[in-house]
C-alpha atoms as a PDB file:
ATOM      1  CA  UNK A   1       8.508  17.556  -2.608  1.00  0.00           C
ATOM      2  CA  UNK A   2       9.209  16.060  -6.019  1.00  0.00           C
ATOM      3  CA  UNK A   3       6.084  14.115  -6.886  1.00  0.00           C
ATOM      4  CA  UNK A   4       5.904  11.009  -9.090  1.00  0.00           C
ATOM      5  CA  UNK A   5       3.812  11.351 -12.228  1.00  0.00           C
ATOM      6  CA  UNK A   6       1.360   8.887 -10.703  1.00  0.00           C
ATOM      7  CA  UNK A   7       1.236   8.687  -6.919  1.00  0.00           C
ATOM      8  CA  UNK A   8      -0.309   5.429  -5.692  1.00  0.00           C
ATOM      9  CA  UNK A   9      -1.304   5.085  -2.033  1.00  0.00           C
ATOM     10  CA  UNK A  10      -1.725   1.500  -0.874  1.00  0.00           C
ATOM     11  CA  UNK A  11      -3.822   0.175   1.991  1.00  0.00           C
ATOM     12  CA  UNK A  12      -5.200  -3.205   2.950  1.00  0.00           C
ATOM     13  CA  UNK A  13      -8.604  -4.191   4.231  1.00  0.00           C
ATOM     14  CA  UNK A  14      -6.723  -5.567   7.259  1.00  0.00           C
ATOM     15  CA  UNK A  15      -3.263  -6.377   8.550  1.00  0.00           C
ATOM     16  CA  UNK A  16      -1.471  -9.343   6.933  1.00  0.00           C
ATOM     17  CA  UNK A  17      -3.694  -9.138   3.863  1.00  0.00           C
ATOM     18  CA  UNK A  18      -0.723  -9.258   1.493  1.00  0.00           C
ATOM     19  CA  UNK A  19      -0.332  -5.639   0.376  1.00  0.00           C
ATOM     20  CA  UNK A  20       3.476  -5.753   0.517  1.00  0.00           C
ATOM     21  CA  UNK A  21       3.542  -8.991  -1.492  1.00  0.00           C
ATOM     22  CA  UNK A  22       1.218  -7.384  -4.059  1.00  0.00           C
ATOM     23  CA  UNK A  23       3.422  -4.297  -4.024  1.00  0.00           C
ATOM     24  CA  UNK A  24       6.583  -6.249  -4.687  1.00  0.00           C
ATOM     25  CA  UNK A  25       5.063  -8.181  -7.572  1.00  0.00           C
ATOM     26  CA  UNK A  26       3.454  -5.074  -9.096  1.00  0.00           C
ATOM     27  CA  UNK A  27       6.702  -3.129  -8.945  1.00  0.00           C
ATOM     28  CA  UNK A  28       8.553  -6.045 -10.552  1.00  0.00           C
ATOM     29  CA  UNK A  29       6.073  -6.086 -13.434  1.00  0.00           C
ATOM     30  CA  UNK A  30       6.445  -2.334 -13.891  1.00  0.00           C
ATOM     31  CA  UNK A  31      10.244  -2.450 -13.818  1.00  0.00           C
ATOM     32  CA  UNK A  32      10.226  -5.304 -16.339  1.00  0.00           C
ATOM     33  CA  UNK A  33       8.307  -2.994 -18.678  1.00  0.00           C
ATOM     34  CA  UNK A  34      10.874  -0.235 -18.276  1.00  0.00           C
ATOM     35  CA  UNK A  35       8.665   1.946 -16.060  1.00  0.00           C
ATOM     36  CA  UNK A  36      10.591   4.120 -13.591  1.00  0.00           C
ATOM     37  CA  UNK A  37       9.257   3.401 -10.111  1.00  0.00           C
ATOM     38  CA  UNK A  38       9.926   4.381  -6.521  1.00  0.00           C
ATOM     39  CA  UNK A  39       8.558   2.820  -3.346  1.00  0.00           C
ATOM     40  CA  UNK A  40       8.072   4.482   0.012  1.00  0.00           C
ATOM     41  CA  UNK A  41       6.822   3.214   3.377  1.00  0.00           C
ATOM     42  CA  UNK A  42       6.710   6.249   5.725  1.00  0.00           C
ATOM     43  CA  UNK A  43       6.794   4.041   8.832  1.00  0.00           C
ATOM     44  CA  UNK A  44       6.963   0.329   9.464  1.00  0.00           C
ATOM     45  CA  UNK A  45       6.922  -2.020  12.428  1.00  0.00           C
ATOM     46  CA  UNK A  46       8.010  -5.641  12.492  1.00  0.00           C
ATOM     47  CA  UNK A  47       8.882  -8.632  14.657  1.00  0.00           C
ATOM     48  CA  UNK A  48      12.680  -8.638  15.012  1.00  0.00           C
ATOM     49  CA  UNK A  49      12.635 -12.408  15.565  1.00  0.00           C
ATOM     50  CA  UNK A  50      10.872 -13.065  12.273  1.00  0.00           C
ATOM     51  CA  UNK A  51      13.449 -14.047   9.618  1.00  0.00           C
ATOM     52  CA  UNK A  52      11.228 -12.787   6.806  1.00  0.00           C
ATOM     53  CA  UNK A  53      12.325  -9.547   5.125  1.00  0.00           C
ATOM     54  CA  UNK A  54      10.726  -6.324   6.304  1.00  0.00           C
ATOM     55  CA  UNK A  55       8.221  -4.512   4.123  1.00  0.00           C
ATOM     56  CA  UNK A  56      10.875  -1.962   3.164  1.00  0.00           C
ATOM     57  CA  UNK A  57      13.252  -4.751   2.138  1.00  0.00           C
ATOM     58  CA  UNK A  58      10.592  -6.402  -0.042  1.00  0.00           C
ATOM     59  CA  UNK A  59       9.612  -3.151  -1.725  1.00  0.00           C
ATOM     60  CA  UNK A  60      13.209  -2.000  -2.114  1.00  0.00           C
ATOM     61  CA  UNK A  61      14.251  -5.278  -3.726  1.00  0.00           C
ATOM     62  CA  UNK A  62      11.446  -4.842  -6.259  1.00  0.00           C
ATOM     63  CA  UNK A  63      12.031  -1.148  -6.981  1.00  0.00           C
ATOM     64  CA  UNK A  64      15.836  -1.321  -6.950  1.00  0.00           C
ATOM     65  CA  UNK A  65      16.173   0.978  -3.938  1.00  0.00           C
ATOM     66  CA  UNK A  66      17.889   0.673  -0.576  1.00  0.00           C
ATOM     67  CA  UNK A  67      15.437  -0.311   2.209  1.00  0.00           C
ATOM     68  CA  UNK A  68      16.422   2.799   4.179  1.00  0.00           C
ATOM     69  CA  UNK A  69      15.390   4.887   1.191  1.00  0.00           C
ATOM     70  CA  UNK A  70      12.023   3.144   1.171  1.00  0.00           C
ATOM     71  CA  UNK A  71      11.590   3.611   4.942  1.00  0.00           C
ATOM     72  CA  UNK A  72      13.966   5.833   6.944  1.00  0.00           C
ATOM     73  CA  UNK A  73      15.820   3.866   9.616  1.00  0.00           C
ATOM     74  CA  UNK A  74      14.403   6.007  12.415  1.00  0.00           C
ATOM     75  CA  UNK A  75      10.860   5.156  11.248  1.00  0.00           C
ATOM     76  CA  UNK A  76      11.426   1.384  11.440  1.00  0.00           C
ATOM     77  CA  UNK A  77      10.176   0.004  14.754  1.00  0.00           C
ATOM     78  CA  UNK A  78      11.189  -3.539  15.794  1.00  0.00           C
ATOM     79  CA  UNK A  79       7.945  -4.224  17.648  1.00  0.00           C
ATOM     80  CA  UNK A  80       4.949  -5.842  15.942  1.00  0.00           C
ATOM     81  CA  UNK A  81       2.481  -3.070  16.774  1.00  0.00           C
ATOM     82  CA  UNK A  82       1.152  -0.053  14.905  1.00  0.00           C
ATOM     83  CA  UNK A  83       4.035   2.455  14.523  1.00  0.00           C
ATOM     84  CA  UNK A  84       2.903   4.953  17.194  1.00  0.00           C
ATOM     85  CA  UNK A  85       2.311   2.096  19.653  1.00  0.00           C
ATOM     86  CA  UNK A  86       5.636   0.493  18.776  1.00  0.00           C
ATOM     87  CA  UNK A  87       7.387   3.813  19.302  1.00  0.00           C
ATOM     88  CA  UNK A  88       5.810   4.084  22.746  1.00  0.00           C
ATOM     89  CA  UNK A  89       6.996   0.597  23.710  1.00  0.00           C
ATOM     90  CA  UNK A  90      10.512   1.467  22.549  1.00  0.00           C
ATOM     91  CA  UNK A  91      10.527   4.800  24.378  1.00  0.00           C
ATOM     92  CA  UNK A  92      10.909   6.696  21.121  1.00  0.00           C
ATOM     93  CA  UNK A  93       8.943   9.740  19.970  1.00  0.00           C
ATOM     94  CA  UNK A  94       5.757   8.728  18.189  1.00  0.00           C
ATOM     95  CA  UNK A  95       5.674   9.668  14.495  1.00  0.00           C
ATOM     96  CA  UNK A  96       3.423  12.577  13.556  1.00  0.00           C
ATOM     97  CA  UNK A  97       1.839  12.622  10.126  1.00  0.00           C
ATOM     98  CA  UNK A  98       3.239  16.012   9.134  1.00  0.00           C
ATOM     99  CA  UNK A  99       6.724  14.698   9.864  1.00  0.00           C
ATOM    100  CA  UNK A 100       6.129  11.555   7.796  1.00  0.00           C
ATOM    101  CA  UNK A 101       4.964  13.647   4.848  1.00  0.00           C
ATOM    102  CA  UNK A 102       7.874  16.057   5.237  1.00  0.00           C
ATOM    103  CA  UNK A 103      10.321  13.141   5.217  1.00  0.00           C
ATOM    104  CA  UNK A 104       9.000  11.719   1.950  1.00  0.00           C
ATOM    105  CA  UNK A 105      11.759  12.041  -0.628  1.00  0.00           C
ATOM    106  CA  UNK A 106      10.931  11.033  -4.170  1.00  0.00           C
ATOM    107  CA  UNK A 107      13.491  10.761  -7.003  1.00  0.00           C
ATOM    108  CA  UNK A 108      14.318  13.766  -9.126  1.00  0.00           C
ATOM    109  CA  UNK A 109      13.658  13.573 -12.053  1.00  0.00           C
ATOM    110  CA  UNK A 110      10.275  12.187 -10.997  1.00  0.00           C
ATOM    111  CA  UNK A 111       9.524   8.486 -11.193  1.00  0.00           C
ATOM    112  CA  UNK A 112       6.643   7.545 -13.444  1.00  0.00           C
ATOM    113  CA  UNK A 113       4.950   5.693 -10.585  1.00  0.00           C
ATOM    114  CA  UNK A 114       5.408   6.220  -6.862  1.00  0.00           C
ATOM    115  CA  UNK A 115       4.194   3.407  -4.593  1.00  0.00           C
ATOM    116  CA  UNK A 116       3.310   4.718  -1.109  1.00  0.00           C
ATOM    117  CA  UNK A 117       2.462   1.873   1.247  1.00  0.00           C
ATOM    118  CA  UNK A 118       0.625   2.458   4.523  1.00  0.00           C
ATOM    119  CA  UNK A 119       0.158   0.040   7.443  1.00  0.00           C
ATOM    120  CA  UNK A 120      -2.745  -2.295   8.142  1.00  0.00           C
ATOM    121  CA  UNK A 121      -6.200  -1.138   7.127  1.00  0.00           C
ATOM    122  CA  UNK A 122      -7.512   2.330   6.274  1.00  0.00           C
ATOM    123  CA  UNK A 123      -8.036   3.213   9.937  1.00  0.00           C
ATOM    124  CA  UNK A 124      -4.862   1.597  11.281  1.00  0.00           C
ATOM    125  CA  UNK A 125      -2.689   4.309  12.862  1.00  0.00           C
ATOM    126  CA  UNK A 126       0.456   5.064  10.901  1.00  0.00           C
ATOM    127  CA  UNK A 127       1.180   8.099  13.072  1.00  0.00           C
ATOM    128  CA  UNK A 128       0.123   9.430  16.447  1.00  0.00           C
ATOM    129  CA  UNK A 129      -2.383  11.700  14.717  1.00  0.00           C
ATOM    130  CA  UNK A 130      -3.321   9.940  11.462  1.00  0.00           C
ATOM    131  CA  UNK A 131      -4.223   6.712   9.721  1.00  0.00           C
ATOM    132  CA  UNK A 132      -4.026   5.811   6.024  1.00  0.00           C
ATOM    133  CA  UNK A 133      -7.044   7.993   5.247  1.00  0.00           C
ATOM    134  CA  UNK A 134      -5.480  10.977   6.986  1.00  0.00           C
ATOM    135  CA  UNK A 135      -2.250  10.421   5.072  1.00  0.00           C
ATOM    136  CA  UNK A 136      -4.209  10.247   1.807  1.00  0.00           C
ATOM    137  CA  UNK A 137      -5.899  13.546   2.587  1.00  0.00           C
ATOM    138  CA  UNK A 138      -2.481  15.179   2.935  1.00  0.00           C
ATOM    139  CA  UNK A 139      -0.636  13.674  -0.030  1.00  0.00           C
ATOM    140  CA  UNK A 140      -3.650  13.525  -2.388  1.00  0.00           C
ATOM    141  CA  UNK A 141      -2.720  10.361  -4.310  1.00  0.00           C
ATOM    142  CA  UNK A 142      -3.802   9.902  -7.900  1.00  0.00           C
ATOM    143  CA  UNK A 143      -4.873   6.332  -7.155  1.00  0.00           C
ATOM    144  CA  UNK A 144      -5.679   4.398  -3.984  1.00  0.00           C
ATOM    145  CA  UNK A 145      -4.975   0.675  -4.227  1.00  0.00           C
ATOM    146  CA  UNK A 146      -6.969  -1.376  -1.742  1.00  0.00           C
ATOM    147  CA  UNK A 147      -5.689  -4.921  -1.237  1.00  0.00           C
ATOM    148  CA  UNK A 148      -8.276  -7.433  -0.034  1.00  0.00           C
ATOM    149  CA  UNK A 149      -8.646 -11.151   0.427  1.00  0.00           C
ATOM    150  CA  UNK A 150     -10.802 -13.006  -2.099  1.00  0.00           C
ATOM    151  CA  UNK A 151     -12.733 -15.354   0.198  1.00  0.00           C
ATOM    152  CA  UNK A 152     -15.402 -15.162   2.891  1.00  0.00           C
ATOM    153  CA  UNK A 153     -16.070 -11.648   4.161  1.00  0.00           C
ATOM    154  CA  UNK A 154     -14.519  -9.991   1.133  1.00  0.00           C
ATOM    155  CA  UNK A 155     -17.503  -7.889   0.077  1.00  0.00           C
ATOM    156  CA  UNK A 156     -18.018  -6.375   3.513  1.00  0.00           C
ATOM    157  CA  UNK A 157     -14.293  -5.804   4.029  1.00  0.00           C
ATOM    158  CA  UNK A 158     -13.918  -4.070   0.674  1.00  0.00           C
ATOM    159  CA  UNK A 159     -16.962  -1.833   1.032  1.00  0.00           C
ATOM    160  CA  UNK A 160     -16.129  -0.808   4.601  1.00  0.00           C
ATOM    161  CA  UNK A 161     -12.500  -0.143   3.689  1.00  0.00           C
ATOM    162  CA  UNK A 162     -13.223   1.724   0.462  1.00  0.00           C
ATOM    163  CA  UNK A 163     -15.833   4.027   2.041  1.00  0.00           C
ATOM    164  CA  UNK A 164     -13.348   6.358   3.815  1.00  0.00           C
ATOM    165  CA  UNK A 165     -11.559   6.972   0.501  1.00  0.00           C
ATOM    166  CA  UNK A 166     -14.574   8.663  -1.085  1.00  0.00           C
ATOM    167  CA  UNK A 167     -13.415  11.121  -3.734  1.00  0.00           C
ATOM    168  CA  UNK A 168     -10.324   9.100  -4.613  1.00  0.00           C
ATOM    169  CA  UNK A 169      -9.822   6.811  -7.614  1.00  0.00           C
ATOM    170  CA  UNK A 170      -9.854   3.373  -5.922  1.00  0.00           C
ATOM    171  CA  UNK A 171      -8.621   0.128  -7.470  1.00  0.00           C
ATOM    172  CA  UNK A 172      -9.316  -3.056  -5.513  1.00  0.00           C
ATOM    173  CA  UNK A 173      -6.941  -6.022  -5.717  1.00  0.00           C
ATOM    174  CA  UNK A 174      -8.341  -9.406  -4.720  1.00  0.00           C
ATOM    175  CA  UNK A 175      -5.213 -11.091  -3.459  1.00  0.00           C
ATOM    176  CA  UNK A 176      -4.889 -14.886  -3.602  1.00  0.00           C
ATOM    177  CA  UNK A 177      -7.730 -14.995  -6.137  1.00  0.00           C
ATOM    178  CA  UNK A 178      -8.453 -18.476  -7.497  1.00  0.00           C
ATOM    179  CA  UNK A 179     -10.526 -18.498 -10.714  1.00  0.00           C
ATOM    180  CA  UNK A 180     -11.542 -22.080  -9.929  1.00  0.00           C
ATOM    181  CA  UNK A 181     -13.070 -21.042  -6.603  1.00  0.00           C
ATOM    182  CA  UNK A 182     -16.781 -20.264  -7.032  1.00  0.00           C
ATOM    183  CA  UNK A 183     -16.859 -17.955  -4.006  1.00  0.00           C
ATOM    184  CA  UNK A 184     -13.919 -15.931  -5.317  1.00  0.00           C
ATOM    185  CA  UNK A 185     -15.578 -15.567  -8.716  1.00  0.00           C
ATOM    186  CA  UNK A 186     -18.893 -14.529  -7.160  1.00  0.00           C
ATOM    187  CA  UNK A 187     -17.185 -11.961  -4.955  1.00  0.00           C
ATOM    188  CA  UNK A 188     -15.415 -10.510  -7.969  1.00  0.00           C
ATOM    189  CA  UNK A 189     -18.631 -10.319  -9.980  1.00  0.00           C
ATOM    190  CA  UNK A 190     -20.552  -8.741  -7.093  1.00  0.00           C
ATOM    191  CA  UNK A 191     -17.970  -6.045  -6.503  1.00  0.00           C
ATOM    192  CA  UNK A 192     -17.733  -5.222 -10.193  1.00  0.00           C
ATOM    193  CA  UNK A 193     -21.379  -5.425 -11.242  1.00  0.00           C
ATOM    194  CA  UNK A 194     -23.363  -4.651  -8.082  1.00  0.00           C
ATOM    195  CA  UNK A 195     -20.974  -2.134  -6.547  1.00  0.00           C
ATOM    196  CA  UNK A 196     -19.372  -0.736  -9.691  1.00  0.00           C
ATOM    197  CA  UNK A 197     -15.844  -1.036  -8.323  1.00  0.00           C
ATOM    198  CA  UNK A 198     -12.654  -1.285 -10.355  1.00  0.00           C
ATOM    199  CA  UNK A 199     -11.332  -4.712  -9.320  1.00  0.00           C
ATOM    200  CA  UNK A 200      -8.307  -6.711 -10.505  1.00  0.00           C
ATOM    201  CA  UNK A 201      -7.182 -10.132  -9.378  1.00  0.00           C
ATOM    202  CA  UNK A 202      -3.401 -10.127  -9.729  1.00  0.00           C
ATOM    203  CA  UNK A 203      -0.354  -7.884  -9.714  1.00  0.00           C
ATOM    204  CA  UNK A 204       0.138  -8.021 -13.470  1.00  0.00           C
ATOM    205  CA  UNK A 205      -3.381  -6.704 -14.068  1.00  0.00           C
ATOM    206  CA  UNK A 206      -2.762  -3.955 -11.531  1.00  0.00           C
ATOM    207  CA  UNK A 207       0.445  -2.996 -13.339  1.00  0.00           C
ATOM    208  CA  UNK A 208      -1.588  -2.814 -16.570  1.00  0.00           C
ATOM    209  CA  UNK A 209      -4.051  -0.409 -14.924  1.00  0.00           C
ATOM    210  CA  UNK A 210      -1.312   1.838 -13.581  1.00  0.00           C
ATOM    211  CA  UNK A 211       0.505   1.981 -16.917  1.00  0.00           C
ATOM    212  CA  UNK A 212      -2.731   3.011 -18.615  1.00  0.00           C
ATOM    213  CA  UNK A 213      -3.054   5.892 -16.174  1.00  0.00           C
ATOM    214  CA  UNK A 214       0.359   7.333 -17.032  1.00  0.00           C
ATOM    215  CA  UNK A 215      -0.385   7.093 -20.761  1.00  0.00           C
END
């Protein structure tokens, strides 16, 4: 497998936390700077009655790739459940993590940054036999981006979600951060000073961090 110079695996602290929105904005910032990017979502599930674009469509629009390049058509499940559960409902074979990894196709020559988005939280099943942590163990990303909310419950959610990624370089993104909100500011300070975590509060700052890592 051709590997990007910097492979970024993305998880959320929960479902609907905004990781795809953060991904789209981060990729747009990187592209605007002339950074070669590629986005991949090994499997996705969605509500077919929801008019909003799928995750693959959002990421593909930002990276300049076809949605079926971001997520293969046979790994897109039109049922709003975790991919292996959605596959079961549809009567399709459940994805296995080795197959998802084998199907990853990155550009050649390598992109500077590869954005690999998982589903839900760290322990949400992306395959019959693996979650985001299991996928990370196989692909060995250079960076794990953990997208979290900025409000009540943030500290617990971040610490619980970051713990399984021990040994990886983790960057936390506080999505929907409001610098005028005292709770948001206190959460940010706690995570940075008490927990020693690398935390950013918007997609542009995340793009800055990733660019620094590729030199």
